[in-house]
């Protein structure tokens, strides 16, 4: 059953989501609603052609920082000093770049203008963070997401130079701030770096600090 949200600040139980993870439709992208969603393992994912869609998948694709795998070639890139990494220095440019990345099997972007405004507001209030990877003072890659306690809910990442997004993820894992990185959607390159599937129940326990 798919629930329709109204002005009330609440979500149905994530366990009631459809097989594809779709839980609810409607509502808004206010800071308060977004935080409530993430605190309950729910995230928005939609396009300009649809209403706001809220998902809570049965399984989550996650990366435990202590399970991070770094290839020998990636270690060489890290040692080269080719890239410089910063945190929260240019959130707007990171989310804008992520919105323009072509996605396999998708026509257009799911990072709508409304989404960008909502997450910039989350960032301004200290809840959303970005990691920027620079090459010779030019933004070469990065990622952004929402912090819920010691869980980093990754939203999107991008590279305009090879390995730049991987550098961002490695920096995130090595920051010591997070016990879990939520990658949401499976990709082969994240799997090669140690990401794996866990159940919704296990994910929610980690969100609640258990």
N, C-alpha and C. Protein backbone atom coordinates (compact mmCIF):
# COMPACT_ATOMS: atom_id res chain seq x y z
N UNK A 1 0.85 -1.20 0.00
CA UNK A 1 0.00 0.00 0.00
C UNK A 1 0.88 1.26 0.00
N UNK A 2 0.60 2.19 -0.89
CA UNK A 2 1.35 3.43 -0.96
C UNK A 2 0.56 4.53 -0.26
N UNK A 3 1.18 5.20 0.69
CA UNK A 3 0.51 6.19 1.51
C UNK A 3 0.66 7.59 0.90
N UNK A 4 -0.38 8.40 1.03
CA UNK A 4 -0.33 9.77 0.55
C UNK A 4 -0.14 10.70 1.75
N UNK A 5 0.92 11.48 1.73
CA UNK A 5 1.24 12.37 2.84
C UNK A 5 0.46 13.67 2.71
N UNK A 6 0.18 14.30 3.85
CA UNK A 6 -0.45 15.61 3.86
C UNK A 6 0.44 16.56 4.64
N UNK A 7 -0.12 17.63 5.19
CA UNK A 7 0.70 18.63 5.87
C UNK A 7 1.23 18.14 7.22
N UNK A 8 0.68 17.06 7.74
CA UNK A 8 1.16 16.55 9.03
C UNK A 8 2.57 16.00 8.89
N UNK A 9 3.37 16.22 9.91
CA UNK A 9 4.77 15.81 9.87
C UNK A 9 4.90 14.38 10.40
N UNK A 10 4.62 13.41 9.53
CA UNK A 10 4.72 12.02 9.92
C UNK A 10 4.87 11.14 8.68
N UNK A 11 5.39 9.92 8.92
CA UNK A 11 5.54 8.92 7.87
C UNK A 11 4.96 7.60 8.37
N UNK A 12 4.47 6.76 7.47
CA UNK A 12 4.05 5.42 7.88
C UNK A 12 5.25 4.57 8.23
N UNK A 13 5.01 3.45 8.86
CA UNK A 13 6.07 2.51 9.22
C UNK A 13 6.81 2.08 7.95
N UNK A 14 8.15 2.22 7.92
CA UNK A 14 8.92 1.83 6.73
C UNK A 14 8.68 0.39 6.28
N UNK A 15 8.30 -0.48 7.21
CA UNK A 15 8.08 -1.89 6.88
C UNK A 15 6.85 -2.08 5.98
N UNK A 16 6.05 -1.04 5.82
CA UNK A 16 4.86 -1.12 4.97
C UNK A 16 5.16 -0.74 3.52
N UNK A 17 6.42 -0.51 3.19
CA UNK A 17 6.79 -0.12 1.83
C UNK A 17 6.49 -1.23 0.83
N UNK A 18 6.28 -0.84 -0.42
CA UNK A 18 6.07 -1.80 -1.50
C UNK A 18 7.34 -2.60 -1.75
N UNK A 19 7.23 -3.62 -2.59
CA UNK A 19 8.37 -4.49 -2.88
C UNK A 19 9.56 -3.71 -3.44
N UNK A 20 9.28 -2.66 -4.23
CA UNK A 20 10.36 -1.86 -4.80
C UNK A 20 10.86 -0.77 -3.84
N UNK A 21 10.30 -0.73 -2.64
CA UNK A 21 10.73 0.23 -1.63
C UNK A 21 9.88 1.48 -1.53
N UNK A 22 8.96 1.68 -2.48
CA UNK A 22 8.13 2.88 -2.46
C UNK A 22 7.18 2.83 -1.26
N UNK A 23 7.21 3.88 -0.46
CA UNK A 23 6.42 3.91 0.77
C UNK A 23 5.31 4.96 0.73
N UNK A 24 5.63 6.15 0.24
CA UNK A 24 4.66 7.23 0.32
C UNK A 24 4.84 8.23 -0.82
N UNK A 25 3.80 9.02 -1.02
CA UNK A 25 3.78 10.03 -2.08
C UNK A 25 3.33 11.35 -1.47
N UNK A 26 3.95 12.45 -1.92
CA UNK A 26 3.48 13.76 -1.50
C UNK A 26 4.32 14.38 -0.39
N UNK A 27 3.69 15.26 0.38
CA UNK A 27 4.42 15.96 1.41
C UNK A 27 5.25 17.09 0.83
N UNK A 28 6.35 17.40 1.49
CA UNK A 28 7.21 18.49 1.04
C UNK A 28 8.67 18.15 1.36
N UNK A 29 9.56 19.06 1.03
CA UNK A 29 10.99 18.85 1.27
C UNK A 29 11.51 19.81 2.33
N UNK A 30 10.67 20.08 3.32
CA UNK A 30 11.12 20.93 4.42
C UNK A 30 12.24 20.24 5.19
N UNK A 31 13.06 21.01 5.85
CA UNK A 31 14.15 20.45 6.65
C UNK A 31 13.61 19.46 7.68
N UNK A 32 12.51 19.82 8.31
CA UNK A 32 11.95 18.97 9.37
C UNK A 32 11.48 17.62 8.80
N UNK A 33 10.83 17.65 7.63
CA UNK A 33 10.35 16.40 7.06
C UNK A 33 11.51 15.54 6.55
N UNK A 34 12.48 16.17 5.93
CA UNK A 34 13.64 15.42 5.44
C UNK A 34 14.38 14.74 6.59
N UNK A 35 14.59 15.45 7.67
CA UNK A 35 15.29 14.86 8.81
C UNK A 35 14.49 13.70 9.40
N UNK A 36 13.17 13.87 9.52
CA UNK A 36 12.33 12.79 10.02
C UNK A 36 12.43 11.58 9.11
N UNK A 37 12.44 11.82 7.80
CA UNK A 37 12.56 10.71 6.84
C UNK A 37 13.87 9.96 7.06
N UNK A 38 14.98 10.67 7.06
CA UNK A 38 16.27 9.99 7.20
C UNK A 38 16.41 9.28 8.54
N UNK A 39 15.84 9.85 9.58
CA UNK A 39 15.90 9.21 10.89
C UNK A 39 15.14 7.89 10.93
N UNK A 40 14.25 7.70 9.95
CA UNK A 40 13.46 6.47 9.87
C UNK A 40 13.82 5.61 8.67
N UNK A 41 14.97 5.87 8.07
CA UNK A 41 15.43 5.04 6.96
C UNK A 41 14.68 5.28 5.67
N UNK A 42 14.16 6.49 5.48
CA UNK A 42 13.36 6.85 4.31
C UNK A 42 14.08 7.97 3.57
N UNK A 43 14.01 7.96 2.24
CA UNK A 43 14.61 9.05 1.47
C UNK A 43 13.76 9.38 0.24
N UNK A 44 13.83 10.63 -0.23
CA UNK A 44 13.07 11.02 -1.42
C UNK A 44 13.82 10.66 -2.69
N UNK A 45 13.09 10.24 -3.71
CA UNK A 45 13.71 9.89 -5.00
C UNK A 45 12.62 10.02 -6.06
N UNK A 46 12.71 11.04 -6.86
CA UNK A 46 11.66 11.30 -7.84
C UNK A 46 12.21 12.19 -8.94
N UNK A 47 11.36 12.60 -9.87
CA UNK A 47 11.79 13.47 -10.96
C UNK A 47 10.80 14.62 -11.09
N UNK A 48 11.10 15.55 -12.00
CA UNK A 48 10.20 16.68 -12.20
C UNK A 48 8.82 16.25 -12.71
N UNK A 49 8.77 15.06 -13.30
CA UNK A 49 7.51 14.59 -13.88
C UNK A 49 6.61 13.86 -12.88
N UNK A 50 7.07 13.67 -11.66
CA UNK A 50 6.30 12.93 -10.66
C UNK A 50 6.14 13.77 -9.40
N UNK A 51 5.18 13.40 -8.55
CA UNK A 51 5.14 14.01 -7.21
C UNK A 51 6.34 13.52 -6.40
N UNK A 52 6.51 14.05 -5.21
CA UNK A 52 7.61 13.58 -4.34
C UNK A 52 7.33 12.13 -3.95
N UNK A 53 8.29 11.27 -4.19
CA UNK A 53 8.18 9.85 -3.85
C UNK A 53 9.17 9.53 -2.74
N UNK A 54 8.72 8.77 -1.75
CA UNK A 54 9.54 8.44 -0.59
C UNK A 54 9.77 6.93 -0.55
N UNK A 55 11.03 6.53 -0.38
CA UNK A 55 11.41 5.12 -0.45
C UNK A 55 12.04 4.63 0.85
N UNK A 56 11.81 3.36 1.13
CA UNK A 56 12.49 2.64 2.20
C UNK A 56 12.70 1.20 1.73
N UNK A 57 13.80 0.93 1.02
CA UNK A 57 14.03 -0.39 0.44
C UNK A 57 14.14 -1.49 1.49
N UNK A 58 13.76 -2.69 1.08
CA UNK A 58 13.86 -3.85 1.96
C UNK A 58 15.31 -4.12 2.34
N UNK A 59 16.24 -3.87 1.41
CA UNK A 59 17.66 -4.00 1.68
C UNK A 59 18.37 -2.68 1.38
N UNK A 60 19.45 -2.41 2.11
CA UNK A 60 20.24 -1.19 1.89
C UNK A 60 21.64 -1.58 1.48
N UNK A 61 22.17 -0.83 0.53
CA UNK A 61 23.54 -1.03 0.08
C UNK A 61 24.43 -0.09 0.88
N UNK A 62 25.26 -0.66 1.73
CA UNK A 62 26.01 0.14 2.70
C UNK A 62 27.49 -0.22 2.69
N UNK A 63 28.27 0.68 3.27
CA UNK A 63 29.71 0.45 3.41
C UNK A 63 30.10 0.74 4.85
N UNK A 64 30.65 -0.28 5.51
CA UNK A 64 31.22 -0.09 6.83
C UNK A 64 32.65 0.45 6.64
N UNK A 65 33.00 1.59 7.22
CA UNK A 65 34.32 2.17 6.98
C UNK A 65 35.48 1.22 7.24
N UNK A 66 35.34 0.33 8.24
CA UNK A 66 36.46 -0.58 8.52
C UNK A 66 36.52 -1.75 7.53
N UNK A 67 35.54 -1.83 6.61
CA UNK A 67 35.56 -2.85 5.57
C UNK A 67 35.96 -2.27 4.21
N UNK A 68 36.38 -1.01 4.21
CA UNK A 68 36.76 -0.34 2.96
C UNK A 68 37.94 -1.07 2.30
N UNK A 69 37.80 -1.30 1.01
CA UNK A 69 38.86 -1.93 0.22
C UNK A 69 39.46 -0.89 -0.72
N UNK A 70 40.78 -0.73 -0.64
CA UNK A 70 41.48 0.22 -1.49
C UNK A 70 42.46 -0.57 -2.37
N UNK A 71 42.28 -0.51 -3.67
CA UNK A 71 43.13 -1.25 -4.59
C UNK A 71 44.55 -0.68 -4.58
N UNK A 72 45.48 -1.48 -5.05
CA UNK A 72 46.87 -1.02 -5.12
C UNK A 72 47.01 0.21 -6.01
N UNK A 73 46.28 0.21 -7.13
CA UNK A 73 46.36 1.36 -8.03
C UNK A 73 45.79 2.61 -7.37
N UNK A 74 44.74 2.42 -6.54
CA UNK A 74 44.16 3.56 -5.83
C UNK A 74 45.12 4.06 -4.76
N UNK A 75 45.84 3.16 -4.13
CA UNK A 75 46.84 3.58 -3.14
C UNK A 75 47.92 4.42 -3.78
N UNK A 76 48.28 4.09 -5.00
CA UNK A 76 49.28 4.89 -5.72
C UNK A 76 48.75 6.30 -6.00
N UNK A 77 47.46 6.38 -6.36
CA UNK A 77 46.85 7.69 -6.60
C UNK A 77 46.86 8.52 -5.32
N UNK A 78 46.53 7.89 -4.20
CA UNK A 78 46.52 8.59 -2.91
C UNK A 78 47.92 9.10 -2.56
N UNK A 79 48.93 8.28 -2.81
CA UNK A 79 50.30 8.68 -2.48
C UNK A 79 50.84 9.76 -3.40
N UNK A 80 50.27 9.87 -4.59
CA UNK A 80 50.79 10.81 -5.58
C UNK A 80 50.58 12.27 -5.19
N UNK A 81 49.59 12.52 -4.33
CA UNK A 81 49.30 13.90 -3.95
C UNK A 81 48.66 14.70 -5.07
N UNK A 82 48.11 13.99 -6.04
CA UNK A 82 47.51 14.64 -7.21
C UNK A 82 46.28 15.45 -6.85
N UNK A 83 45.54 14.99 -5.83
CA UNK A 83 44.29 15.62 -5.44
C UNK A 83 44.38 16.24 -4.05
N UNK A 84 43.59 17.28 -3.84
CA UNK A 84 43.42 17.90 -2.53
C UNK A 84 41.95 17.73 -2.12
N UNK A 85 41.73 17.41 -0.86
CA UNK A 85 40.37 17.15 -0.37
C UNK A 85 39.97 18.20 0.66
N UNK A 86 38.75 18.72 0.53
CA UNK A 86 38.18 19.63 1.53
C UNK A 86 36.80 19.12 1.93
N UNK A 87 36.29 19.65 3.03
CA UNK A 87 34.96 19.27 3.54
C UNK A 87 34.11 20.53 3.70
N UNK A 88 32.92 20.49 3.14
CA UNK A 88 31.94 21.58 3.28
C UNK A 88 32.46 22.94 2.79
N UNK A 89 33.32 22.91 1.79
CA UNK A 89 33.84 24.16 1.25
C UNK A 89 33.04 24.67 0.06
N UNK A 90 32.34 23.78 -0.64
CA UNK A 90 31.59 24.21 -1.82
C UNK A 90 30.42 23.26 -2.08
N UNK A 91 29.51 23.19 -1.11
CA UNK A 91 28.38 22.26 -1.18
C UNK A 91 27.55 22.50 -2.44
N UNK A 92 27.28 23.76 -2.75
CA UNK A 92 26.42 24.07 -3.89
C UNK A 92 27.01 23.55 -5.20
N UNK A 93 28.32 23.69 -5.37
CA UNK A 93 28.94 23.22 -6.61
C UNK A 93 28.91 21.70 -6.70
N UNK A 94 29.05 21.02 -5.56
CA UNK A 94 29.02 19.56 -5.55
C UNK A 94 27.64 19.05 -5.94
N UNK A 95 26.59 19.57 -5.33
CA UNK A 95 25.25 19.07 -5.65
C UNK A 95 24.87 19.44 -7.09
N UNK A 96 25.32 20.59 -7.54
CA UNK A 96 25.05 20.98 -8.93
C UNK A 96 25.74 20.02 -9.89
N UNK A 97 26.99 19.67 -9.61
CA UNK A 97 27.72 18.74 -10.48
C UNK A 97 27.08 17.35 -10.44
N UNK A 98 26.64 16.92 -9.27
CA UNK A 98 25.98 15.61 -9.15
C UNK A 98 24.69 15.58 -9.98
N UNK A 99 23.99 16.70 -10.05
CA UNK A 99 22.73 16.74 -10.77
C UNK A 99 22.92 16.61 -12.28
N UNK A 100 24.13 16.84 -12.74
CA UNK A 100 24.40 16.81 -14.19
C UNK A 100 25.06 15.51 -14.65
N UNK A 101 25.31 14.59 -13.72
CA UNK A 101 25.97 13.34 -14.09
C UNK A 101 24.98 12.41 -14.78
N UNK A 102 25.27 11.93 -15.98
CA UNK A 102 24.39 10.95 -16.65
C UNK A 102 24.33 9.67 -15.83
N UNK A 103 23.14 9.12 -15.65
CA UNK A 103 22.95 7.89 -14.89
C UNK A 103 22.48 6.79 -15.83
N UNK A 104 23.10 5.64 -15.73
CA UNK A 104 22.74 4.52 -16.59
C UNK A 104 21.27 4.15 -16.39
N UNK A 105 20.53 4.07 -17.48
CA UNK A 105 19.13 3.68 -17.42
C UNK A 105 18.18 4.78 -17.00
N UNK A 106 18.71 6.02 -16.86
CA UNK A 106 17.85 7.12 -16.45
C UNK A 106 17.90 8.24 -17.49
N UNK A 107 16.76 8.80 -17.77
CA UNK A 107 16.65 9.92 -18.68
C UNK A 107 16.53 11.19 -17.85
N UNK A 108 17.60 11.93 -17.77
CA UNK A 108 17.59 13.13 -16.93
C UNK A 108 18.09 12.84 -15.52
N UNK A 109 17.81 13.76 -14.62
CA UNK A 109 18.31 13.66 -13.25
C UNK A 109 17.17 13.55 -12.25
N UNK A 110 17.46 12.91 -11.11
CA UNK A 110 16.49 12.90 -10.02
C UNK A 110 16.77 14.03 -9.04
N UNK A 111 17.89 14.74 -9.22
CA UNK A 111 18.22 15.87 -8.35
C UNK A 111 17.60 17.12 -8.96
N UNK A 112 16.34 17.33 -8.65
CA UNK A 112 15.59 18.45 -9.21
C UNK A 112 16.02 19.78 -8.58
N UNK A 113 15.55 20.87 -9.14
CA UNK A 113 15.87 22.18 -8.56
C UNK A 113 15.33 22.28 -7.13
N UNK A 114 14.13 21.73 -6.89
CA UNK A 114 13.59 21.74 -5.53
C UNK A 114 14.46 20.93 -4.58
N UNK A 115 14.97 19.80 -5.06
CA UNK A 115 15.86 18.98 -4.24
C UNK A 115 17.14 19.75 -3.90
N UNK A 116 17.69 20.42 -4.89
CA UNK A 116 18.92 21.17 -4.65
C UNK A 116 18.69 22.25 -3.59
N UNK A 117 17.60 22.98 -3.72
CA UNK A 117 17.31 24.01 -2.72
C UNK A 117 17.13 23.41 -1.33
N UNK A 118 16.44 22.28 -1.25
CA UNK A 118 16.18 21.64 0.05
C UNK A 118 17.46 21.17 0.72
N UNK A 119 18.37 20.59 -0.07
CA UNK A 119 19.60 20.07 0.53
C UNK A 119 20.61 21.17 0.84
N UNK A 120 20.58 22.24 0.07
CA UNK A 120 21.40 23.40 0.42
C UNK A 120 20.94 23.96 1.76
N UNK A 121 19.62 23.98 1.97
CA UNK A 121 19.09 24.44 3.25
C UNK A 121 19.50 23.49 4.38
N UNK A 122 19.46 22.18 4.11
CA UNK A 122 19.95 21.21 5.11
C UNK A 122 21.41 21.47 5.43
N UNK A 123 22.19 21.77 4.41
CA UNK A 123 23.61 22.06 4.61
C UNK A 123 23.80 23.32 5.45
N UNK A 124 23.05 24.36 5.11
CA UNK A 124 23.16 25.62 5.85
C UNK A 124 22.83 25.44 7.32
N UNK A 125 21.98 24.43 7.63
CA UNK A 125 21.59 24.19 9.02
C UNK A 125 22.46 23.13 9.69
N UNK A 126 23.48 22.65 8.95
CA UNK A 126 24.46 21.75 9.55
C UNK A 126 24.16 20.27 9.46
N UNK A 127 23.16 19.89 8.66
CA UNK A 127 22.78 18.47 8.58
C UNK A 127 23.32 17.77 7.33
N UNK A 128 23.52 18.49 6.25
CA UNK A 128 24.04 17.90 5.02
C UNK A 128 25.48 18.36 4.82
N UNK A 129 26.31 17.46 4.31
CA UNK A 129 27.74 17.74 4.17
C UNK A 129 28.24 17.33 2.79
N UNK A 130 29.29 18.01 2.39
CA UNK A 130 29.92 17.68 1.12
C UNK A 130 31.41 17.44 1.31
N UNK A 131 31.94 16.61 0.44
CA UNK A 131 33.39 16.43 0.34
C UNK A 131 33.78 16.81 -1.08
N UNK A 132 34.75 17.71 -1.18
CA UNK A 132 35.20 18.19 -2.47
C UNK A 132 36.61 17.66 -2.75
N UNK A 133 36.82 17.25 -3.98
CA UNK A 133 38.14 16.77 -4.42
C UNK A 133 38.62 17.72 -5.52
N UNK A 134 39.80 18.30 -5.29
CA UNK A 134 40.30 19.34 -6.19
C UNK A 134 41.56 18.87 -6.91
N UNK A 135 41.71 19.34 -8.13
CA UNK A 135 42.95 19.15 -8.88
C UNK A 135 43.35 20.50 -9.45
N UNK A 136 44.46 21.02 -8.95
CA UNK A 136 44.95 22.33 -9.39
C UNK A 136 43.85 23.39 -9.29
N UNK A 137 43.20 23.45 -8.13
CA UNK A 137 42.17 24.44 -7.81
C UNK A 137 40.90 24.32 -8.64
N UNK A 138 40.73 23.18 -9.31
CA UNK A 138 39.50 22.91 -10.06
C UNK A 138 38.79 21.72 -9.43
N UNK A 139 37.46 21.83 -9.27
CA UNK A 139 36.69 20.76 -8.66
C UNK A 139 36.67 19.55 -9.59
N UNK A 140 37.27 18.45 -9.12
CA UNK A 140 37.42 17.25 -9.95
C UNK A 140 36.44 16.16 -9.58
N UNK A 141 35.84 16.25 -8.42
CA UNK A 141 34.89 15.23 -7.97
C UNK A 141 34.43 15.52 -6.57
N UNK A 142 33.50 14.70 -6.09
CA UNK A 142 33.01 14.90 -4.74
C UNK A 142 31.75 14.11 -4.46
N UNK A 143 31.21 14.31 -3.28
CA UNK A 143 29.96 13.66 -2.88
C UNK A 143 29.27 14.52 -1.84
N UNK A 144 27.99 14.22 -1.62
CA UNK A 144 27.26 14.90 -0.55
C UNK A 144 26.25 13.93 0.06
N UNK A 145 25.82 14.25 1.27
CA UNK A 145 24.85 13.41 1.94
C UNK A 145 24.40 14.04 3.24
N UNK A 146 23.61 13.28 3.98
CA UNK A 146 23.00 13.76 5.22
C UNK A 146 23.53 12.94 6.39
N UNK A 147 23.91 13.62 7.45
CA UNK A 147 24.41 12.94 8.65
C UNK A 147 23.29 12.74 9.65
N UNK A 148 23.10 11.47 10.04
CA UNK A 148 22.16 11.12 11.11
C UNK A 148 22.98 10.39 12.17
N UNK A 149 23.37 11.10 13.21
CA UNK A 149 24.23 10.51 14.23
C UNK A 149 25.56 10.08 13.63
N UNK A 150 25.87 8.79 13.73
CA UNK A 150 27.12 8.27 13.18
C UNK A 150 26.91 7.55 11.85
N UNK A 151 25.75 7.78 11.23
CA UNK A 151 25.47 7.22 9.90
C UNK A 151 25.48 8.36 8.88
N UNK A 152 26.24 8.16 7.80
CA UNK A 152 26.26 9.14 6.71
C UNK A 152 25.41 8.59 5.58
N UNK A 153 24.30 9.27 5.29
CA UNK A 153 23.39 8.85 4.24
C UNK A 153 23.82 9.50 2.93
N UNK A 154 24.62 8.78 2.15
CA UNK A 154 25.14 9.32 0.92
C UNK A 154 24.05 9.51 -0.11
N UNK A 155 24.03 10.67 -0.74
CA UNK A 155 23.00 10.97 -1.73
C UNK A 155 23.51 10.82 -3.16
N UNK A 156 24.67 11.38 -3.45
CA UNK A 156 25.18 11.29 -4.82
C UNK A 156 26.67 11.63 -4.81
N UNK A 157 27.35 11.21 -5.87
CA UNK A 157 28.76 11.52 -6.04
C UNK A 157 29.04 11.74 -7.52
N UNK A 158 30.16 12.41 -7.81
CA UNK A 158 30.48 12.67 -9.21
C UNK A 158 31.99 12.72 -9.39
N UNK A 159 32.42 12.52 -10.62
CA UNK A 159 33.83 12.66 -11.01
C UNK A 159 33.89 13.31 -12.38
N UNK A 160 34.76 14.28 -12.52
CA UNK A 160 35.09 14.76 -13.86
C UNK A 160 36.52 14.34 -14.21
N UNK A 161 37.21 13.78 -13.21
CA UNK A 161 38.52 13.17 -13.43
C UNK A 161 38.50 11.78 -12.83
N UNK A 162 39.17 10.85 -13.46
CA UNK A 162 39.20 9.47 -12.99
C UNK A 162 39.64 9.40 -11.53
N UNK A 163 38.90 8.61 -10.74
CA UNK A 163 39.20 8.30 -9.34
C UNK A 163 38.80 9.41 -8.35
N UNK A 164 38.34 10.56 -8.82
CA UNK A 164 38.08 11.66 -7.90
C UNK A 164 36.96 11.33 -6.91
N UNK A 165 35.88 10.67 -7.36
CA UNK A 165 34.80 10.34 -6.43
C UNK A 165 35.26 9.28 -5.43
N UNK A 166 36.13 8.38 -5.88
CA UNK A 166 36.66 7.37 -4.96
C UNK A 166 37.50 8.03 -3.87
N UNK A 167 38.26 9.04 -4.24
CA UNK A 167 39.05 9.78 -3.25
C UNK A 167 38.13 10.37 -2.20
N UNK A 168 36.99 10.93 -2.63
CA UNK A 168 36.03 11.51 -1.70
C UNK A 168 35.49 10.46 -0.74
N UNK A 169 35.13 9.30 -1.27
CA UNK A 169 34.58 8.23 -0.43
C UNK A 169 35.62 7.71 0.56
N UNK A 170 36.84 7.56 0.12
CA UNK A 170 37.91 7.10 1.01
C UNK A 170 38.11 8.10 2.14
N UNK A 171 38.11 9.37 1.80
CA UNK A 171 38.25 10.41 2.83
C UNK A 171 37.12 10.33 3.84
N UNK A 172 35.90 10.11 3.35
CA UNK A 172 34.74 9.99 4.23
C UNK A 172 34.91 8.82 5.19
N UNK A 173 35.34 7.67 4.66
CA UNK A 173 35.51 6.47 5.48
C UNK A 173 36.62 6.64 6.52
N UNK A 174 37.65 7.37 6.16
CA UNK A 174 38.80 7.53 7.05
C UNK A 174 38.67 8.70 8.01
N UNK A 175 37.54 9.41 7.93
CA UNK A 175 37.35 10.58 8.80
C UNK A 175 37.19 10.18 10.26
N UNK A 176 36.74 8.94 10.51
CA UNK A 176 36.51 8.49 11.88
C UNK A 176 35.21 8.97 12.47
N UNK A 177 34.37 9.62 11.67
CA UNK A 177 33.12 10.19 12.17
C UNK A 177 31.93 9.26 12.07
N UNK A 178 32.05 8.22 11.22
CA UNK A 178 30.87 7.42 10.89
C UNK A 178 31.11 5.93 11.09
N UNK A 179 30.07 5.27 11.59
CA UNK A 179 30.12 3.82 11.73
C UNK A 179 29.55 3.13 10.50
N UNK A 180 28.84 3.92 9.66
CA UNK A 180 28.21 3.33 8.47
C UNK A 180 28.01 4.41 7.41
N UNK A 181 28.28 4.04 6.15
CA UNK A 181 27.98 4.89 5.00
C UNK A 181 26.84 4.22 4.24
N UNK A 182 25.70 4.89 4.14
CA UNK A 182 24.56 4.37 3.39
C UNK A 182 24.72 4.79 1.93
N UNK A 183 24.94 3.83 1.05
CA UNK A 183 25.14 4.10 -0.38
C UNK A 183 23.83 4.00 -1.16
N UNK A 184 22.78 3.52 -0.54
CA UNK A 184 21.42 3.41 -1.11
C UNK A 184 21.35 2.47 -2.30
N UNK A 185 21.98 2.85 -3.41
CA UNK A 185 21.80 2.11 -4.66
C UNK A 185 23.08 1.36 -5.03
N UNK A 186 22.91 0.09 -5.41
CA UNK A 186 24.07 -0.74 -5.76
C UNK A 186 24.78 -0.23 -7.00
N UNK A 187 26.11 -0.16 -6.92
CA UNK A 187 26.94 0.05 -8.10
C UNK A 187 28.13 -0.91 -7.98
N UNK A 188 28.65 -1.33 -9.12
CA UNK A 188 29.75 -2.29 -9.09
C UNK A 188 31.01 -1.68 -8.50
N UNK A 189 31.24 -0.40 -8.74
CA UNK A 189 32.49 0.18 -8.22
C UNK A 189 32.42 0.37 -6.71
N UNK A 190 31.23 0.63 -6.16
CA UNK A 190 31.11 0.68 -4.70
C UNK A 190 31.24 -0.71 -4.09
N UNK A 191 30.70 -1.70 -4.78
CA UNK A 191 30.85 -3.08 -4.31
C UNK A 191 32.32 -3.48 -4.29
N UNK A 192 33.08 -3.05 -5.29
CA UNK A 192 34.51 -3.37 -5.33
C UNK A 192 35.27 -2.72 -4.19
N UNK A 193 34.68 -1.66 -3.60
CA UNK A 193 35.33 -0.96 -2.49
C UNK A 193 34.84 -1.48 -1.14
N UNK A 194 33.99 -2.52 -1.15
CA UNK A 194 33.59 -3.16 0.09
C UNK A 194 32.14 -2.99 0.49
N UNK A 195 31.36 -2.26 -0.29
CA UNK A 195 29.95 -2.06 0.05
C UNK A 195 29.17 -3.36 -0.12
N UNK A 196 28.13 -3.54 0.71
CA UNK A 196 27.32 -4.76 0.64
C UNK A 196 25.91 -4.48 1.11
N UNK A 197 25.03 -5.43 0.86
CA UNK A 197 23.63 -5.30 1.24
C UNK A 197 23.39 -5.74 2.68
N UNK A 198 22.57 -5.00 3.40
CA UNK A 198 22.08 -5.42 4.71
C UNK A 198 20.56 -5.23 4.70
N UNK A 199 19.87 -5.86 5.64
CA UNK A 199 18.42 -5.75 5.70
C UNK A 199 17.99 -4.39 6.23
N UNK A 200 16.76 -4.03 5.92
CA UNK A 200 16.20 -2.78 6.45
C UNK A 200 16.24 -2.80 7.98
N UNK A 201 15.89 -3.94 8.59
CA UNK A 201 15.88 -4.02 10.05
C UNK A 201 17.25 -3.75 10.64
N UNK A 202 18.28 -4.32 10.03
CA UNK A 202 19.64 -4.10 10.53
C UNK A 202 20.03 -2.64 10.35
N UNK A 203 19.65 -2.06 9.22
CA UNK A 203 19.96 -0.67 8.96
C UNK A 203 19.28 0.25 9.99
N UNK A 204 18.02 -0.01 10.28
CA UNK A 204 17.29 0.83 11.23
C UNK A 204 17.89 0.72 12.64
N UNK A 205 18.37 -0.46 12.99
CA UNK A 205 19.04 -0.61 14.29
C UNK A 205 20.29 0.26 14.37
N UNK A 206 21.05 0.28 13.27
CA UNK A 206 22.26 1.10 13.24
C UNK A 206 21.90 2.58 13.30
N UNK A 207 20.83 2.97 12.64
CA UNK A 207 20.37 4.36 12.69
C UNK A 207 20.02 4.77 14.13
N UNK A 208 19.47 3.83 14.87
CA UNK A 208 19.06 4.10 16.25
C UNK A 208 20.17 3.87 17.25
N UNK A 209 21.40 3.65 16.75
CA UNK A 209 22.55 3.53 17.63
C UNK A 209 22.69 2.20 18.30
N UNK A 210 22.03 1.16 17.79
CA UNK A 210 22.12 -0.16 18.42
C UNK A 210 23.29 -0.97 17.86
